[in-house]
C-alpha atoms as a PDB file:
ATOM      1  CA  UNK A   1      12.553   8.239 -16.338  1.00  0.00           C
ATOM      2  CA  UNK A   2      10.118  10.607 -17.520  1.00  0.00           C
ATOM      3  CA  UNK A   3       6.736  10.060 -19.089  1.00  0.00           C
ATOM      4  CA  UNK A   4       5.373  13.169 -21.018  1.00  0.00           C
ATOM      5  CA  UNK A   5       2.298  13.611 -23.093  1.00  0.00           C
ATOM      6  CA  UNK A   6       1.023  16.974 -23.654  1.00  0.00           C
ATOM      7  CA  UNK A   7      -1.664  16.022 -26.386  1.00  0.00           C
ATOM      8  CA  UNK A   8      -4.296  14.723 -23.780  1.00  0.00           C
ATOM      9  CA  UNK A   9      -4.877  16.471 -20.283  1.00  0.00           C
ATOM     10  CA  UNK A  10      -6.073  13.315 -18.830  1.00  0.00           C
ATOM     11  CA  UNK A  11      -2.984  11.449 -20.161  1.00  0.00           C
ATOM     12  CA  UNK A  12      -0.784  14.352 -18.719  1.00  0.00           C
ATOM     13  CA  UNK A  13      -2.447  13.940 -15.225  1.00  0.00           C
ATOM     14  CA  UNK A  14      -1.627  10.075 -15.430  1.00  0.00           C
ATOM     15  CA  UNK A  15       1.794  10.600 -16.597  1.00  0.00           C
ATOM     16  CA  UNK A  16       2.536  13.220 -13.666  1.00  0.00           C
ATOM     17  CA  UNK A  17       1.066  10.503 -11.311  1.00  0.00           C
ATOM     18  CA  UNK A  18       3.280   7.700 -12.674  1.00  0.00           C
ATOM     19  CA  UNK A  19       6.154  10.059 -12.553  1.00  0.00           C
ATOM     20  CA  UNK A  20       5.406  10.616  -8.644  1.00  0.00           C
ATOM     21  CA  UNK A  21       5.099   6.870  -8.131  1.00  0.00           C
ATOM     22  CA  UNK A  22       8.380   6.316  -9.952  1.00  0.00           C
ATOM     23  CA  UNK A  23      10.048   9.003  -7.856  1.00  0.00           C
ATOM     24  CA  UNK A  24       8.787   7.456  -4.688  1.00  0.00           C
ATOM     25  CA  UNK A  25      10.017   4.075  -5.518  1.00  0.00           C
ATOM     26  CA  UNK A  26      13.442   5.541  -6.538  1.00  0.00           C
ATOM     27  CA  UNK A  27      13.688   7.609  -3.430  1.00  0.00           C
ATOM     28  CA  UNK A  28      13.077   4.393  -1.350  1.00  0.00           C
ATOM     29  CA  UNK A  29      15.563   2.356  -3.238  1.00  0.00           C
ATOM     30  CA  UNK A  30      18.089   5.069  -2.877  1.00  0.00           C
ATOM     31  CA  UNK A  31      17.377   5.094   1.154  1.00  0.00           C
ATOM     32  CA  UNK A  32      17.581   1.614   1.341  1.00  0.00           C
ATOM     33  CA  UNK A  33      21.185   1.439  -0.352  1.00  0.00           C
ATOM     34  CA  UNK A  34      22.469   4.383   1.790  1.00  0.00           C
ATOM     35  CA  UNK A  35      21.180   2.644   4.904  1.00  0.00           C
ATOM     36  CA  UNK A  36      23.055  -0.382   3.854  1.00  0.00           C
ATOM     37  CA  UNK A  37      26.363   1.535   2.832  1.00  0.00           C
ATOM     38  CA  UNK A  38      26.091   3.569   6.019  1.00  0.00           C
ATOM     39  CA  UNK A  39      25.389   1.084   8.468  1.00  0.00           C
ATOM     40  CA  UNK A  40      27.409   0.991  11.516  1.00  0.00           C
ATOM     41  CA  UNK A  41      28.396  -2.641  11.144  1.00  0.00           C
ATOM     42  CA  UNK A  42      31.655  -3.897  12.509  1.00  0.00           C
ATOM     43  CA  UNK A  43      33.980  -5.778  10.200  1.00  0.00           C
ATOM     44  CA  UNK A  44      33.810  -9.440  11.485  1.00  0.00           C
ATOM     45  CA  UNK A  45      36.632 -11.881  11.748  1.00  0.00           C
ATOM     46  CA  UNK A  46      36.013 -15.105   9.840  1.00  0.00           C
ATOM     47  CA  UNK A  47      35.366 -17.029  13.097  1.00  0.00           C
ATOM     48  CA  UNK A  48      32.957 -14.263  14.526  1.00  0.00           C
ATOM     49  CA  UNK A  49      29.164 -15.025  14.213  1.00  0.00           C
ATOM     50  CA  UNK A  50      27.024 -11.797  13.375  1.00  0.00           C
ATOM     51  CA  UNK A  51      24.910 -10.358  16.205  1.00  0.00           C
ATOM     52  CA  UNK A  52      21.209 -11.444  16.273  1.00  0.00           C
ATOM     53  CA  UNK A  53      20.401  -7.683  15.719  1.00  0.00           C
ATOM     54  CA  UNK A  54      22.634  -7.433  12.594  1.00  0.00           C
ATOM     55  CA  UNK A  55      21.183 -10.532  11.211  1.00  0.00           C
ATOM     56  CA  UNK A  56      17.506  -9.322  11.766  1.00  0.00           C
ATOM     57  CA  UNK A  57      18.474  -5.841  10.290  1.00  0.00           C
ATOM     58  CA  UNK A  58      20.018  -7.442   7.110  1.00  0.00           C
ATOM     59  CA  UNK A  59      17.047  -9.794   6.694  1.00  0.00           C
ATOM     60  CA  UNK A  60      14.565  -6.822   7.158  1.00  0.00           C
ATOM     61  CA  UNK A  61      16.395  -4.947   4.550  1.00  0.00           C
ATOM     62  CA  UNK A  62      16.470  -7.711   2.092  1.00  0.00           C
ATOM     63  CA  UNK A  63      12.637  -7.986   2.719  1.00  0.00           C
ATOM     64  CA  UNK A  64      12.091  -4.397   2.028  1.00  0.00           C
ATOM     65  CA  UNK A  65      14.339  -4.288  -1.134  1.00  0.00           C
ATOM     66  CA  UNK A  66      12.151  -7.020  -2.452  1.00  0.00           C
ATOM     67  CA  UNK A  67       8.759  -5.561  -1.800  1.00  0.00           C
ATOM     68  CA  UNK A  68       7.222  -2.623   0.203  1.00  0.00           C
ATOM     69  CA  UNK A  69       6.547  -3.710   3.817  1.00  0.00           C
ATOM     70  CA  UNK A  70       4.215  -2.661   6.640  1.00  0.00           C
ATOM     71  CA  UNK A  71       5.376  -2.661  10.274  1.00  0.00           C
ATOM     72  CA  UNK A  72       3.120  -5.698  11.292  1.00  0.00           C
ATOM     73  CA  UNK A  73       3.793  -7.721   8.420  1.00  0.00           C
ATOM     74  CA  UNK A  74       7.537  -7.221   8.731  1.00  0.00           C
ATOM     75  CA  UNK A  75       7.564  -7.891  12.367  1.00  0.00           C
ATOM     76  CA  UNK A  76       5.625 -11.405  11.668  1.00  0.00           C
ATOM     77  CA  UNK A  77       8.015 -12.226   8.892  1.00  0.00           C
ATOM     78  CA  UNK A  78      11.129 -11.583  11.137  1.00  0.00           C
ATOM     79  CA  UNK A  79       9.650 -13.265  14.261  1.00  0.00           C
ATOM     80  CA  UNK A  80       8.770 -16.387  12.239  1.00  0.00           C
ATOM     81  CA  UNK A  81      12.439 -16.574  11.006  1.00  0.00           C
ATOM     82  CA  UNK A  82      13.427 -16.952  14.557  1.00  0.00           C
ATOM     83  CA  UNK A  83      14.540 -13.497  15.792  1.00  0.00           C
ATOM     84  CA  UNK A  84      13.244 -12.432  19.367  1.00  0.00           C
ATOM     85  CA  UNK A  85      10.687  -9.866  19.854  1.00  0.00           C
ATOM     86  CA  UNK A  86      12.872  -7.333  21.259  1.00  0.00           C
ATOM     87  CA  UNK A  87      15.410  -7.363  18.623  1.00  0.00           C
ATOM     88  CA  UNK A  88      12.582  -7.153  15.959  1.00  0.00           C
ATOM     89  CA  UNK A  89      11.220  -4.306  17.662  1.00  0.00           C
ATOM     90  CA  UNK A  90      14.569  -2.491  17.749  1.00  0.00           C
ATOM     91  CA  UNK A  91      15.130  -3.204  14.052  1.00  0.00           C
ATOM     92  CA  UNK A  92      11.491  -1.822  13.093  1.00  0.00           C
ATOM     93  CA  UNK A  93      12.034   1.361  15.035  1.00  0.00           C
ATOM     94  CA  UNK A  94      15.433   1.986  13.474  1.00  0.00           C
ATOM     95  CA  UNK A  95      13.899   1.347  10.032  1.00  0.00           C
ATOM     96  CA  UNK A  96      10.841   3.646  10.654  1.00  0.00           C
ATOM     97  CA  UNK A  97      13.269   6.339  11.755  1.00  0.00           C
ATOM     98  CA  UNK A  98      15.176   6.103   8.445  1.00  0.00           C
ATOM     99  CA  UNK A  99      11.730   6.112   6.720  1.00  0.00           C
ATOM    100  CA  UNK A 100      12.478   2.680   5.065  1.00  0.00           C
ATOM    101  CA  UNK A 101       9.311   1.401   6.774  1.00  0.00           C
ATOM    102  CA  UNK A 102       6.278   3.485   6.411  1.00  0.00           C
ATOM    103  CA  UNK A 103       2.847   2.011   6.858  1.00  0.00           C
ATOM    104  CA  UNK A 104       1.070   5.204   5.195  1.00  0.00           C
ATOM    105  CA  UNK A 105       3.233   4.710   2.140  1.00  0.00           C
ATOM    106  CA  UNK A 106       2.622   0.892   2.264  1.00  0.00           C
ATOM    107  CA  UNK A 107      -1.048   1.435   2.403  1.00  0.00           C
ATOM    108  CA  UNK A 108      -1.078   3.694  -0.392  1.00  0.00           C
ATOM    109  CA  UNK A 109       0.842   1.794  -2.736  1.00  0.00           C
ATOM    110  CA  UNK A 110      -1.024  -1.375  -1.694  1.00  0.00           C
ATOM    111  CA  UNK A 111      -4.331   0.209  -2.570  1.00  0.00           C
ATOM    112  CA  UNK A 112      -3.112   1.641  -5.863  1.00  0.00           C
ATOM    113  CA  UNK A 113      -2.035  -1.928  -6.833  1.00  0.00           C
ATOM    114  CA  UNK A 114      -5.650  -3.288  -6.160  1.00  0.00           C
ATOM    115  CA  UNK A 115      -7.724  -0.552  -7.830  1.00  0.00           C
ATOM    116  CA  UNK A 116      -7.806  -2.624 -11.056  1.00  0.00           C
ATOM    117  CA  UNK A 117      -9.538  -5.387  -9.068  1.00  0.00           C
ATOM    118  CA  UNK A 118     -13.459  -5.210  -8.678  1.00  0.00           C
ATOM    119  CA  UNK A 119     -13.325  -4.574  -4.951  1.00  0.00           C
ATOM    120  CA  UNK A 120     -15.327  -2.245  -2.719  1.00  0.00           C
ATOM    121  CA  UNK A 121     -13.782   0.402  -0.390  1.00  0.00           C
ATOM    122  CA  UNK A 122     -15.176  -1.516   2.471  1.00  0.00           C
ATOM    123  CA  UNK A 123     -13.325  -4.842   1.295  1.00  0.00           C
ATOM    124  CA  UNK A 124      -9.881  -2.669   0.505  1.00  0.00           C
ATOM    125  CA  UNK A 125     -10.070  -1.095   4.062  1.00  0.00           C
ATOM    126  CA  UNK A 126     -10.837  -4.507   5.611  1.00  0.00           C
ATOM    127  CA  UNK A 127      -7.645  -5.856   3.668  1.00  0.00           C
ATOM    128  CA  UNK A 128      -5.473  -3.146   4.710  1.00  0.00           C
ATOM    129  CA  UNK A 129      -6.607  -3.575   8.583  1.00  0.00           C
ATOM    130  CA  UNK A 130      -6.044  -7.283   8.331  1.00  0.00           C
ATOM    131  CA  UNK A 131      -2.300  -6.684   7.413  1.00  0.00           C
ATOM    132  CA  UNK A 132      -1.837  -4.674  10.383  1.00  0.00           C
ATOM    133  CA  UNK A 133      -2.496  -0.998   9.037  1.00  0.00           C
ATOM    134  CA  UNK A 134      -4.137   1.011  11.655  1.00  0.00           C
ATOM    135  CA  UNK A 135      -7.911   1.939  10.817  1.00  0.00           C
ATOM    136  CA  UNK A 136      -7.406   5.551  10.610  1.00  0.00           C
ATOM    137  CA  UNK A 137      -4.123   5.258   8.392  1.00  0.00           C
ATOM    138  CA  UNK A 138      -5.979   2.846   6.166  1.00  0.00           C
ATOM    139  CA  UNK A 139      -8.812   5.151   5.809  1.00  0.00           C
ATOM    140  CA  UNK A 140      -6.698   8.317   5.156  1.00  0.00           C
ATOM    141  CA  UNK A 141      -4.730   6.200   2.345  1.00  0.00           C
ATOM    142  CA  UNK A 142      -8.278   5.270   0.742  1.00  0.00           C
ATOM    143  CA  UNK A 143      -9.407   8.669   0.698  1.00  0.00           C
ATOM    144  CA  UNK A 144      -5.991   9.802  -0.855  1.00  0.00           C
ATOM    145  CA  UNK A 145      -6.117   7.139  -3.355  1.00  0.00           C
ATOM    146  CA  UNK A 146      -9.917   7.211  -4.221  1.00  0.00           C
ATOM    147  CA  UNK A 147     -10.636  10.453  -6.232  1.00  0.00           C
ATOM    148  CA  UNK A 148     -14.047  10.577  -7.877  1.00  0.00           C
ATOM    149  CA  UNK A 149     -13.310   9.269 -11.144  1.00  0.00           C
ATOM    150  CA  UNK A 150     -11.267   6.332  -9.765  1.00  0.00           C
ATOM    151  CA  UNK A 151     -14.060   5.702  -7.372  1.00  0.00           C
ATOM    152  CA  UNK A 152     -16.577   5.722 -10.095  1.00  0.00           C
ATOM    153  CA  UNK A 153     -14.531   3.244 -12.251  1.00  0.00           C
ATOM    154  CA  UNK A 154     -13.896   0.993  -9.095  1.00  0.00           C
ATOM    155  CA  UNK A 155     -17.859   1.104  -8.592  1.00  0.00           C
ATOM    156  CA  UNK A 156     -18.394   0.148 -12.286  1.00  0.00           C
ATOM    157  CA  UNK A 157     -16.004  -2.738 -11.878  1.00  0.00           C
ATOM    158  CA  UNK A 158     -17.644  -3.939  -8.782  1.00  0.00           C
ATOM    159  CA  UNK A 159     -21.296  -3.516 -10.019  1.00  0.00           C
ATOM    160  CA  UNK A 160     -20.603  -5.513 -13.143  1.00  0.00           C
ATOM    161  CA  UNK A 161     -19.202  -8.488 -10.939  1.00  0.00           C
ATOM    162  CA  UNK A 162     -21.783  -8.417  -8.303  1.00  0.00           C
ATOM    163  CA  UNK A 163     -24.938  -6.868 -10.147  1.00  0.00           C
ATOM    164  CA  UNK A 164     -26.496 -10.401 -10.087  1.00  0.00           C
ATOM    165  CA  UNK A 165     -26.702 -10.229  -6.135  1.00  0.00           C
ATOM    166  CA  UNK A 166     -29.086  -7.152  -6.681  1.00  0.00           C
ATOM    167  CA  UNK A 167     -31.244  -9.566  -9.002  1.00  0.00           C
ATOM    168  CA  UNK A 168     -31.868  -6.863 -11.354  1.00  0.00           C
ATOM    169  CA  UNK A 169     -33.293  -4.378  -8.734  1.00  0.00           C
ATOM    170  CA  UNK A 170     -31.949  -0.760  -9.075  1.00  0.00           C
ATOM    171  CA  UNK A 171     -32.673  -0.281  -5.440  1.00  0.00           C
ATOM    172  CA  UNK A 172     -31.105  -3.541  -4.319  1.00  0.00           C
ATOM    173  CA  UNK A 173     -28.024  -2.723  -6.152  1.00  0.00           C
ATOM    174  CA  UNK A 174     -27.833   0.808  -4.946  1.00  0.00           C
ATOM    175  CA  UNK A 175     -28.120  -0.600  -1.261  1.00  0.00           C
ATOM    176  CA  UNK A 176     -25.348  -3.074  -1.929  1.00  0.00           C
ATOM    177  CA  UNK A 177     -22.904  -0.266  -3.282  1.00  0.00           C
ATOM    178  CA  UNK A 178     -23.608   1.858  -0.336  1.00  0.00           C
ATOM    179  CA  UNK A 179     -23.054  -0.960   1.911  1.00  0.00           C
ATOM    180  CA  UNK A 180     -19.819  -1.857   0.411  1.00  0.00           C
ATOM    181  CA  UNK A 181     -18.637   1.700   1.099  1.00  0.00           C
ATOM    182  CA  UNK A 182     -19.116   3.688  -2.174  1.00  0.00           C
ATOM    183  CA  UNK A 183     -19.949   7.330  -1.846  1.00  0.00           C
ATOM    184  CA  UNK A 184     -23.567   8.456  -2.468  1.00  0.00           C
ATOM    185  CA  UNK A 185     -22.243  10.984  -5.025  1.00  0.00           C
ATOM    186  CA  UNK A 186     -20.346   8.036  -7.010  1.00  0.00           C
ATOM    187  CA  UNK A 187     -23.624   5.790  -6.744  1.00  0.00           C
ATOM    188  CA  UNK A 188     -25.859   8.649  -8.055  1.00  0.00           C
ATOM    189  CA  UNK A 189     -23.480   9.354 -11.100  1.00  0.00           C
ATOM    190  CA  UNK A 190     -23.337   5.496 -11.649  1.00  0.00           C
ATOM    191  CA  UNK A 191     -27.188   5.168 -11.516  1.00  0.00           C
ATOM    192  CA  UNK A 192     -27.544   8.249 -13.986  1.00  0.00           C
ATOM    193  CA  UNK A 193     -29.378  10.106 -11.173  1.00  0.00           C
ATOM    194  CA  UNK A 194     -27.018  13.252 -11.388  1.00  0.00           C
END
């Protein structure tokens, strides 16, 4: 599926970004299906119980097929379902090697899905870290996702929602925005100083 619009350059950029996202998701799904089809699973007799590793792997694949997962979140979900930590660790390692589980991809996709909400970079970063994403990986993903225009749009949404905290004082608003992790350039553009 391809989306094209050559009338408007901004729409063309958005279309190419959408096409890249669709391509990423399709490649992930193809990898998942390939991993399931190519898995070295012995054919079980009807009376045999599948190994805990095999059950953990199938559970992990079902969770990944449903939604993008991060290492920490998938580990917690598998352990909550009663799988022992050694088995979970082995499954996580295999899925990471197969590129079915990627914290950087999860962070980027999670951030892109949250950009329409009035949240600050600091709060987005904090939420990613709370989900078990390494702080350096979270900061890199945030830097990749927040270009100048996206940050300015996010800043405008955030300022609209939280401007009453600044009580109408531009200096207070500026301080609030800086404290919430917005760049100085974006703040100046928003305040009309540039």
